[in-house]
Amino acid sequence: MSLQQSVEQFMYRLAELCDDRDWDGYIEQFAPECEFHIPQWKNEDEITSDPKREMSLMYYADRTGIEDRVFRLRTGKSAASTPLPRTLHLIDNVRCMEQGDGTVQVRVNWVTHFYRFGESGHFFGTADYTLRGEGDDWKVLRKHSVVFNDHIDSVLDFYHV
């Protein structure tokens, strides 16, 4: 399998694990040191770049942030996510480039459709990933997702992007 095919299959599997709410499988795809960032728009053309100094829609310095969100989902301690919406992630335009340090930089376009409380909606944007090969598979070292929606009229959580 080519690098392109391998990365595409990984991206599709990651989306499927999230849509299927296979949280253990989903979390396992992220390295413990994985950074997860959704920046905020500063203006029409510029997003924030430093999550430690500027506002972000979401920022986790490592995988424990995602693990905490999953714990809250499973225990009902996330009122904003109860009931959990149904999601359908669509991944397109997967581009990847090998780096000299054994990692792969990946950019994808995405749309996530969701349904909750009799209402449907969608979020859309781009995501940049840094992946590290582990055997025949990949681990996410970094996920940086830009949400293009101007208005967020509902809850936005990790499972939406």
N, C-alpha and C. Protein backbone atom coordinates (compact mmCIF):
# COMPACT_ATOMS: atom_id res chain seq x y z
N MET A 1 0.84 -1.17 0.00
CA MET A 1 0.00 0.00 0.00
C MET A 1 0.89 1.24 0.00
N SER A 2 0.55 2.23 -0.79
CA SER A 2 1.34 3.45 -0.86
C SER A 2 1.14 4.29 0.41
N LEU A 3 2.02 5.25 0.62
CA LEU A 3 1.88 6.17 1.74
C LEU A 3 0.53 6.88 1.68
N GLN A 4 0.17 7.37 0.51
CA GLN A 4 -1.10 8.08 0.34
C GLN A 4 -2.29 7.20 0.76
N GLN A 5 -2.31 5.98 0.28
CA GLN A 5 -3.41 5.07 0.61
C GLN A 5 -3.43 4.75 2.11
N SER A 6 -2.28 4.52 2.67
CA SER A 6 -2.18 4.19 4.09
C SER A 6 -2.70 5.35 4.95
N VAL A 7 -2.30 6.56 4.62
CA VAL A 7 -2.74 7.73 5.38
C VAL A 7 -4.24 7.94 5.19
N GLU A 8 -4.74 7.82 3.97
CA GLU A 8 -6.17 7.97 3.73
C GLU A 8 -6.97 6.97 4.55
N GLN A 9 -6.56 5.71 4.54
CA GLN A 9 -7.27 4.69 5.30
C GLN A 9 -7.25 4.99 6.79
N PHE A 10 -6.13 5.52 7.29
CA PHE A 10 -6.05 5.90 8.70
C PHE A 10 -7.04 7.03 8.99
N MET A 11 -7.09 8.03 8.14
CA MET A 11 -8.01 9.16 8.35
C MET A 11 -9.47 8.68 8.34
N TYR A 12 -9.80 7.81 7.41
CA TYR A 12 -11.17 7.28 7.34
C TYR A 12 -11.51 6.47 8.59
N ARG A 13 -10.55 5.67 9.06
CA ARG A 13 -10.78 4.85 10.25
C ARG A 13 -10.97 5.74 11.49
N LEU A 14 -10.17 6.80 11.59
CA LEU A 14 -10.30 7.72 12.71
C LEU A 14 -11.71 8.34 12.74
N ALA A 15 -12.19 8.76 11.58
CA ALA A 15 -13.55 9.32 11.48
C ALA A 15 -14.60 8.27 11.86
N GLU A 16 -14.42 7.06 11.38
CA GLU A 16 -15.38 5.99 11.65
C GLU A 16 -15.42 5.65 13.14
N LEU A 17 -14.26 5.58 13.78
CA LEU A 17 -14.22 5.30 15.22
C LEU A 17 -14.99 6.36 16.00
N CYS A 18 -14.85 7.60 15.60
CA CYS A 18 -15.56 8.70 16.26
C CYS A 18 -17.07 8.58 16.01
N ASP A 19 -17.47 8.38 14.76
CA ASP A 19 -18.89 8.25 14.44
C ASP A 19 -19.53 7.05 15.15
N ASP A 20 -18.76 5.97 15.29
CA ASP A 20 -19.27 4.76 15.97
C ASP A 20 -19.20 4.87 17.49
N ARG A 21 -18.65 5.96 17.98
CA ARG A 21 -18.48 6.20 19.42
C ARG A 21 -17.62 5.11 20.08
N ASP A 22 -16.67 4.62 19.31
CA ASP A 22 -15.71 3.66 19.84
C ASP A 22 -14.59 4.48 20.48
N TRP A 23 -14.86 5.00 21.66
CA TRP A 23 -13.96 5.96 22.28
C TRP A 23 -12.61 5.36 22.63
N ASP A 24 -12.58 4.11 23.06
CA ASP A 24 -11.29 3.48 23.37
C ASP A 24 -10.45 3.37 22.10
N GLY A 25 -11.07 2.91 21.01
CA GLY A 25 -10.36 2.81 19.74
C GLY A 25 -9.92 4.16 19.23
N TYR A 26 -10.78 5.18 19.41
CA TYR A 26 -10.46 6.53 18.96
C TYR A 26 -9.26 7.08 19.73
N ILE A 27 -9.32 7.01 21.05
CA ILE A 27 -8.22 7.53 21.88
C ILE A 27 -6.91 6.83 21.55
N GLU A 28 -6.97 5.53 21.28
CA GLU A 28 -5.77 4.75 21.00
C GLU A 28 -5.03 5.25 19.76
N GLN A 29 -5.71 5.96 18.87
CA GLN A 29 -5.07 6.47 17.66
C GLN A 29 -4.18 7.69 17.93
N PHE A 30 -4.31 8.26 19.11
CA PHE A 30 -3.54 9.45 19.48
C PHE A 30 -2.39 9.07 20.41
N ALA A 31 -1.21 9.58 20.11
CA ALA A 31 -0.06 9.36 20.99
C ALA A 31 -0.31 10.08 22.32
N PRO A 32 0.24 9.57 23.43
CA PRO A 32 0.02 10.23 24.72
C PRO A 32 0.40 11.71 24.71
N GLU A 33 1.41 12.08 23.95
CA GLU A 33 1.88 13.47 23.91
C GLU A 33 1.18 14.31 22.84
N CYS A 34 0.13 13.79 22.26
CA CYS A 34 -0.56 14.47 21.15
C CYS A 34 -1.16 15.81 21.56
N GLU A 35 -0.88 16.83 20.77
CA GLU A 35 -1.51 18.15 20.96
C GLU A 35 -2.76 18.21 20.08
N PHE A 36 -3.85 18.73 20.64
CA PHE A 36 -5.14 18.83 19.95
C PHE A 36 -5.58 20.29 20.05
N HIS A 37 -5.69 20.97 18.90
CA HIS A 37 -5.94 22.42 18.92
C HIS A 37 -6.99 22.82 17.89
N ILE A 38 -7.95 23.60 18.33
CA ILE A 38 -8.92 24.24 17.44
C ILE A 38 -8.82 25.74 17.71
N PRO A 39 -8.14 26.49 16.83
CA PRO A 39 -7.96 27.92 17.07
C PRO A 39 -9.26 28.70 16.84
N GLN A 40 -9.24 29.91 17.30
CA GLN A 40 -10.37 30.83 17.12
C GLN A 40 -10.01 31.81 16.01
N TRP A 41 -11.01 32.34 15.33
CA TRP A 41 -10.78 33.36 14.31
C TRP A 41 -10.54 34.71 14.98
N LYS A 42 -9.45 35.41 14.58
CA LYS A 42 -9.19 36.77 15.05
C LYS A 42 -10.03 37.77 14.25
N ASN A 43 -10.09 37.50 12.95
CA ASN A 43 -10.87 38.34 12.04
C ASN A 43 -11.24 37.46 10.85
N GLU A 44 -11.69 38.05 9.78
CA GLU A 44 -12.17 37.29 8.63
C GLU A 44 -11.09 36.39 7.99
N ASP A 45 -9.83 36.77 8.13
CA ASP A 45 -8.77 36.07 7.42
C ASP A 45 -7.67 35.48 8.29
N GLU A 46 -7.75 35.67 9.60
CA GLU A 46 -6.63 35.27 10.46
C GLU A 46 -7.13 34.51 11.69
N ILE A 47 -6.45 33.39 11.97
CA ILE A 47 -6.77 32.62 13.17
C ILE A 47 -5.69 32.83 14.22
N THR A 48 -6.03 32.50 15.46
CA THR A 48 -5.03 32.57 16.52
C THR A 48 -3.99 31.47 16.29
N SER A 49 -2.78 31.70 16.76
CA SER A 49 -1.72 30.73 16.50
C SER A 49 -1.06 30.18 17.76
N ASP A 50 -1.20 30.88 18.88
CA ASP A 50 -0.55 30.44 20.11
C ASP A 50 -1.61 30.14 21.16
N PRO A 51 -1.94 28.86 21.36
CA PRO A 51 -3.01 28.52 22.29
C PRO A 51 -2.71 28.87 23.75
N LYS A 52 -1.47 29.15 24.05
CA LYS A 52 -1.13 29.50 25.43
C LYS A 52 -1.27 31.01 25.69
N ARG A 53 -1.37 31.79 24.62
CA ARG A 53 -1.47 33.25 24.78
C ARG A 53 -2.73 33.85 24.16
N GLU A 54 -3.38 33.08 23.28
CA GLU A 54 -4.55 33.59 22.58
C GLU A 54 -5.72 32.63 22.78
N MET A 55 -6.92 33.13 22.51
CA MET A 55 -8.12 32.32 22.67
C MET A 55 -8.16 31.20 21.63
N SER A 56 -8.65 30.07 22.07
CA SER A 56 -8.88 28.93 21.19
C SER A 56 -10.28 28.40 21.46
N LEU A 57 -10.86 27.75 20.47
CA LEU A 57 -12.14 27.08 20.69
C LEU A 57 -11.93 25.84 21.55
N MET A 58 -10.75 25.22 21.39
CA MET A 58 -10.39 24.05 22.20
C MET A 58 -8.88 23.86 22.12
N TYR A 59 -8.30 23.49 23.25
CA TYR A 59 -6.87 23.19 23.26
C TYR A 59 -6.57 22.17 24.34
N TYR A 60 -5.91 21.10 23.94
CA TYR A 60 -5.40 20.10 24.88
C TYR A 60 -3.92 19.92 24.58
N ALA A 61 -3.08 20.08 25.58
CA ALA A 61 -1.64 19.95 25.39
C ALA A 61 -1.21 18.51 25.15
N ASP A 62 -2.04 17.56 25.60
CA ASP A 62 -1.74 16.15 25.37
C ASP A 62 -3.04 15.35 25.38
N ARG A 63 -2.94 14.07 25.22
CA ARG A 63 -4.10 13.20 25.06
C ARG A 63 -5.01 13.17 26.29
N THR A 64 -4.52 13.56 27.45
CA THR A 64 -5.35 13.50 28.65
C THR A 64 -6.59 14.39 28.53
N GLY A 65 -6.50 15.44 27.71
CA GLY A 65 -7.67 16.30 27.50
C GLY A 65 -8.80 15.55 26.81
N ILE A 66 -8.46 14.77 25.80
CA ILE A 66 -9.47 13.96 25.11
C ILE A 66 -9.97 12.86 26.04
N GLU A 67 -9.06 12.25 26.79
CA GLU A 67 -9.46 11.20 27.73
C GLU A 67 -10.45 11.75 28.76
N ASP A 68 -10.22 12.97 29.23
CA ASP A 68 -11.13 13.59 30.19
C ASP A 68 -12.51 13.82 29.57
N ARG A 69 -12.55 14.30 28.34
CA ARG A 69 -13.83 14.53 27.66
C ARG A 69 -14.58 13.21 27.50
N VAL A 70 -13.88 12.15 27.12
CA VAL A 70 -14.53 10.84 26.97
C VAL A 70 -15.05 10.36 28.32
N PHE A 71 -14.30 10.54 29.38
CA PHE A 71 -14.76 10.16 30.72
C PHE A 71 -16.07 10.88 31.04
N ARG A 72 -16.12 12.16 30.75
CA ARG A 72 -17.34 12.94 31.03
C ARG A 72 -18.52 12.47 30.19
N LEU A 73 -18.25 12.11 28.93
CA LEU A 73 -19.32 11.59 28.07
C LEU A 73 -19.87 10.28 28.63
N ARG A 74 -18.96 9.40 29.02
CA ARG A 74 -19.36 8.07 29.49
C ARG A 74 -20.10 8.11 30.83
N THR A 75 -19.76 9.07 31.66
CA THR A 75 -20.36 9.11 33.00
C THR A 75 -21.54 10.08 33.08
N GLY A 76 -21.87 10.72 31.98
CA GLY A 76 -22.99 11.67 31.99
C GLY A 76 -22.66 12.99 32.66
N LYS A 77 -21.37 13.25 32.88
CA LYS A 77 -20.95 14.49 33.54
C LYS A 77 -20.78 15.66 32.57
N SER A 78 -21.18 15.45 31.32
CA SER A 78 -21.12 16.52 30.33
C SER A 78 -22.55 16.86 29.92
N ALA A 79 -23.15 17.79 30.66
CA ALA A 79 -24.53 18.17 30.37
C ALA A 79 -24.68 18.71 28.95
N ALA A 80 -23.64 19.38 28.46
CA ALA A 80 -23.69 19.95 27.11
C ALA A 80 -23.71 18.87 26.03
N SER A 81 -23.31 17.66 26.37
CA SER A 81 -23.25 16.57 25.39
C SER A 81 -24.24 15.46 25.69
N THR A 82 -25.26 15.76 26.49
CA THR A 82 -26.27 14.77 26.82
C THR A 82 -27.62 15.24 26.29
N PRO A 83 -28.22 14.53 25.37
CA PRO A 83 -27.71 13.31 24.75
C PRO A 83 -26.61 13.63 23.74
N LEU A 84 -25.80 12.66 23.50
CA LEU A 84 -24.70 12.79 22.54
C LEU A 84 -25.28 12.85 21.12
N PRO A 85 -24.84 13.80 20.31
CA PRO A 85 -25.37 13.85 18.94
C PRO A 85 -24.86 12.70 18.09
N ARG A 86 -25.65 12.33 17.10
CA ARG A 86 -25.16 11.40 16.08
C ARG A 86 -24.29 12.22 15.13
N THR A 87 -23.18 11.67 14.70
CA THR A 87 -22.28 12.39 13.79
C THR A 87 -21.95 11.54 12.57
N LEU A 88 -21.62 12.25 11.51
CA LEU A 88 -21.13 11.62 10.28
C LEU A 88 -20.01 12.50 9.75
N HIS A 89 -18.78 11.98 9.83
CA HIS A 89 -17.60 12.72 9.38
C HIS A 89 -17.29 12.36 7.92
N LEU A 90 -17.08 13.36 7.11
CA LEU A 90 -16.65 13.18 5.73
C LEU A 90 -15.27 13.80 5.58
N ILE A 91 -14.33 13.01 5.08
CA ILE A 91 -12.94 13.44 4.91
C ILE A 91 -12.64 13.47 3.42
N ASP A 92 -11.98 14.54 2.95
CA ASP A 92 -11.71 14.67 1.53
C ASP A 92 -10.38 15.40 1.33
N ASN A 93 -9.88 15.33 0.10
CA ASN A 93 -8.66 16.05 -0.29
C ASN A 93 -7.51 15.78 0.69
N VAL A 94 -7.23 14.53 0.91
CA VAL A 94 -6.14 14.13 1.82
C VAL A 94 -4.82 14.34 1.11
N ARG A 95 -3.98 15.20 1.67
CA ARG A 95 -2.64 15.45 1.13
C ARG A 95 -1.63 15.11 2.20
N CYS A 96 -0.56 14.43 1.82
CA CYS A 96 0.44 14.06 2.81
C CYS A 96 1.85 14.26 2.26
N MET A 97 2.76 14.58 3.19
CA MET A 97 4.15 14.80 2.82
C MET A 97 5.04 14.22 3.92
N GLU A 98 5.93 13.32 3.51
CA GLU A 98 6.88 12.75 4.46
C GLU A 98 7.86 13.81 4.92
N GLN A 99 8.20 13.76 6.18
CA GLN A 99 9.17 14.67 6.77
C GLN A 99 10.46 13.90 7.03
N GLY A 100 11.54 14.59 7.17
CA GLY A 100 12.84 13.95 7.38
C GLY A 100 12.98 13.26 8.72
N ASP A 101 12.10 13.57 9.67
CA ASP A 101 12.22 12.99 11.01
C ASP A 101 11.37 11.75 11.21
N GLY A 102 10.85 11.17 10.15
CA GLY A 102 10.04 9.96 10.25
C GLY A 102 8.56 10.21 10.45
N THR A 103 8.16 11.47 10.44
CA THR A 103 6.74 11.80 10.57
C THR A 103 6.18 12.15 9.20
N VAL A 104 4.86 12.24 9.16
CA VAL A 104 4.16 12.64 7.94
C VAL A 104 3.24 13.79 8.29
N GLN A 105 3.31 14.86 7.49
CA GLN A 105 2.38 15.98 7.63
C GLN A 105 1.20 15.72 6.72
N VAL A 106 -0.01 15.86 7.27
CA VAL A 106 -1.23 15.57 6.52
C VAL A 106 -2.17 16.75 6.63
N ARG A 107 -2.80 17.10 5.52
CA ARG A 107 -3.88 18.10 5.53
C ARG A 107 -5.10 17.47 4.90
N VAL A 108 -6.24 17.66 5.55
CA VAL A 108 -7.51 17.16 5.03
C VAL A 108 -8.55 18.27 5.09
N ASN A 109 -9.55 18.16 4.23
CA ASN A 109 -10.76 18.96 4.36
C ASN A 109 -11.79 18.05 4.99
N TRP A 110 -12.68 18.61 5.80
CA TRP A 110 -13.65 17.78 6.50
C TRP A 110 -14.99 18.50 6.63
N VAL A 111 -16.03 17.71 6.72
CA VAL A 111 -17.37 18.17 7.06
C VAL A 111 -17.92 17.15 8.05
N THR A 112 -18.49 17.64 9.13
CA THR A 112 -19.15 16.76 10.09
C THR A 112 -20.61 17.17 10.18
N HIS A 113 -21.48 16.24 9.81
CA HIS A 113 -22.92 16.44 9.97
C HIS A 113 -23.29 15.88 11.34
N PHE A 114 -24.21 16.55 12.04
CA PHE A 114 -24.65 16.05 13.33
C PHE A 114 -26.15 16.24 13.48
N TYR A 115 -26.72 15.40 14.34
CA TYR A 115 -28.16 15.44 14.61
C TYR A 115 -28.37 15.30 16.11
N ARG A 116 -29.15 16.24 16.66
CA ARG A 116 -29.43 16.23 18.10
C ARG A 116 -30.69 17.04 18.37
N PHE A 117 -31.52 16.57 19.25
CA PHE A 117 -32.76 17.25 19.64
C PHE A 117 -33.64 17.59 18.43
N GLY A 118 -33.70 16.69 17.45
CA GLY A 118 -34.55 16.91 16.29
C GLY A 118 -34.01 17.93 15.30
N GLU A 119 -32.80 18.36 15.49
CA GLU A 119 -32.18 19.36 14.61
C GLU A 119 -30.90 18.80 14.01
N SER A 120 -30.65 19.14 12.77
CA SER A 120 -29.38 18.73 12.16
C SER A 120 -28.56 19.97 11.84
N GLY A 121 -27.27 19.79 11.77
CA GLY A 121 -26.35 20.89 11.45
C GLY A 121 -25.04 20.31 10.95
N HIS A 122 -24.11 21.19 10.71
CA HIS A 122 -22.80 20.72 10.26
C HIS A 122 -21.72 21.72 10.64
N PHE A 123 -20.54 21.19 10.80
CA PHE A 123 -19.32 21.98 10.94
C PHE A 123 -18.42 21.58 9.78
N PHE A 124 -17.57 22.50 9.34
CA PHE A 124 -16.67 22.17 8.24
C PHE A 124 -15.38 22.95 8.40
N GLY A 125 -14.31 22.43 7.77
CA GLY A 125 -13.04 23.12 7.86
C GLY A 125 -11.90 22.29 7.29
N THR A 126 -10.71 22.61 7.77
CA THR A 126 -9.51 21.87 7.40
C THR A 126 -8.85 21.37 8.69
N ALA A 127 -8.04 20.35 8.53
CA ALA A 127 -7.28 19.85 9.68
C ALA A 127 -5.88 19.47 9.22
N ASP A 128 -4.91 19.86 10.01
CA ASP A 128 -3.52 19.48 9.78
C ASP A 128 -3.13 18.49 10.88
N TYR A 129 -2.54 17.39 10.46
CA TYR A 129 -2.10 16.34 11.37
C TYR A 129 -0.61 16.13 11.22
N THR A 130 0.03 15.75 12.30
CA THR A 130 1.36 15.17 12.26
C THR A 130 1.19 13.73 12.71
N LEU A 131 1.59 12.80 11.85
CA LEU A 131 1.48 11.38 12.15
C LEU A 131 2.86 10.75 12.28
N ARG A 132 2.94 9.76 13.16
CA ARG A 132 4.16 8.98 13.32
C ARG A 132 3.82 7.52 13.03
N GLY A 133 4.61 6.89 12.21
CA GLY A 133 4.39 5.49 11.93
C GLY A 133 4.74 4.63 13.12
N GLU A 134 3.86 3.66 13.40
CA GLU A 134 4.11 2.69 14.47
C GLU A 134 3.75 1.32 13.92
N GLY A 135 4.76 0.58 13.49
CA GLY A 135 4.51 -0.70 12.84
C GLY A 135 3.82 -0.46 11.51
N ASP A 136 2.70 -1.10 11.30
CA ASP A 136 1.94 -0.93 10.07
C ASP A 136 0.86 0.12 10.21
N ASP A 137 0.88 0.90 11.28
CA ASP A 137 -0.18 1.86 11.54
C ASP A 137 0.38 3.23 11.86
N TRP A 138 -0.46 4.14 12.24
CA TRP A 138 -0.10 5.53 12.52
C TRP A 138 -0.59 5.93 13.90
N LYS A 139 0.08 6.91 14.48
CA LYS A 139 -0.37 7.58 15.70
C LYS A 139 -0.39 9.07 15.41
N VAL A 140 -1.41 9.76 15.93
CA VAL A 140 -1.51 11.20 15.79
C VAL A 140 -0.63 11.86 16.84
N LEU A 141 0.32 12.69 16.40
CA LEU A 141 1.16 13.48 17.31
C LEU A 141 0.60 14.88 17.50
N ARG A 142 -0.14 15.36 16.50
CA ARG A 142 -0.70 16.70 16.55
C ARG A 142 -1.92 16.76 15.64
N LYS A 143 -2.98 17.38 16.15
CA LYS A 143 -4.16 17.67 15.32
C LYS A 143 -4.50 19.14 15.51
N HIS A 144 -4.49 19.87 14.41
CA HIS A 144 -4.80 21.29 14.40
C HIS A 144 -5.95 21.48 13.41
N SER A 145 -7.13 21.73 13.93
CA SER A 145 -8.33 21.78 13.09
C SER A 145 -8.92 23.18 13.09
N VAL A 146 -9.14 23.73 11.92
CA VAL A 146 -9.74 25.06 11.77
C VAL A 146 -11.20 24.89 11.36
N VAL A 147 -12.10 25.41 12.20
CA VAL A 147 -13.53 25.37 11.92
C VAL A 147 -13.88 26.61 11.11
N PHE A 148 -14.46 26.42 9.93
CA PHE A 148 -14.77 27.54 9.06
C PHE A 148 -16.12 28.19 9.33
N ASN A 149 -16.98 27.53 10.10
CA ASN A 149 -18.29 28.12 10.41
C ASN A 149 -18.10 29.47 11.10
N ASP A 150 -18.87 30.45 10.66
CA ASP A 150 -18.82 31.76 11.30
C ASP A 150 -19.55 31.78 12.64
N HIS A 151 -20.64 31.05 12.69
CA HIS A 151 -21.45 31.00 13.92
C HIS A 151 -21.53 29.56 14.40
N ILE A 152 -21.33 29.39 15.67
CA ILE A 152 -21.46 28.07 16.27
C ILE A 152 -22.68 28.14 17.17
N ASP A 153 -23.80 27.64 16.65
CA ASP A 153 -25.08 27.74 17.34
C ASP A 153 -25.36 26.57 18.26
N SER A 154 -24.42 25.67 18.38
CA SER A 154 -24.62 24.50 19.23
C SER A 154 -23.32 24.21 19.95
N VAL A 155 -23.29 23.10 20.63
CA VAL A 155 -22.07 22.65 21.30
C VAL A 155 -21.03 22.27 20.25
N LEU A 156 -19.80 22.63 20.49
CA LEU A 156 -18.68 22.18 19.67
C LEU A 156 -17.75 21.40 20.57
N ASP A 157 -17.51 20.15 20.21
CA ASP A 157 -16.65 19.30 21.04
C ASP A 157 -15.70 18.54 20.12
N PHE A 158 -14.79 17.77 20.72
CA PHE A 158 -13.78 17.06 19.94
C PHE A 158 -14.40 16.15 18.89
N TYR A 159 -15.56 15.58 19.17
CA TYR A 159 -16.19 14.63 18.24
C TYR A 159 -16.86 15.33 17.05
N HIS A 160 -16.88 16.63 17.03
CA HIS A 160 -17.41 17.38 15.88
C HIS A 160 -16.36 17.66 14.82
N VAL A 161 -15.09 17.56 15.16
CA VAL A 161 -14.03 17.92 14.22
C VAL A 161 -13.15 16.73 13.91
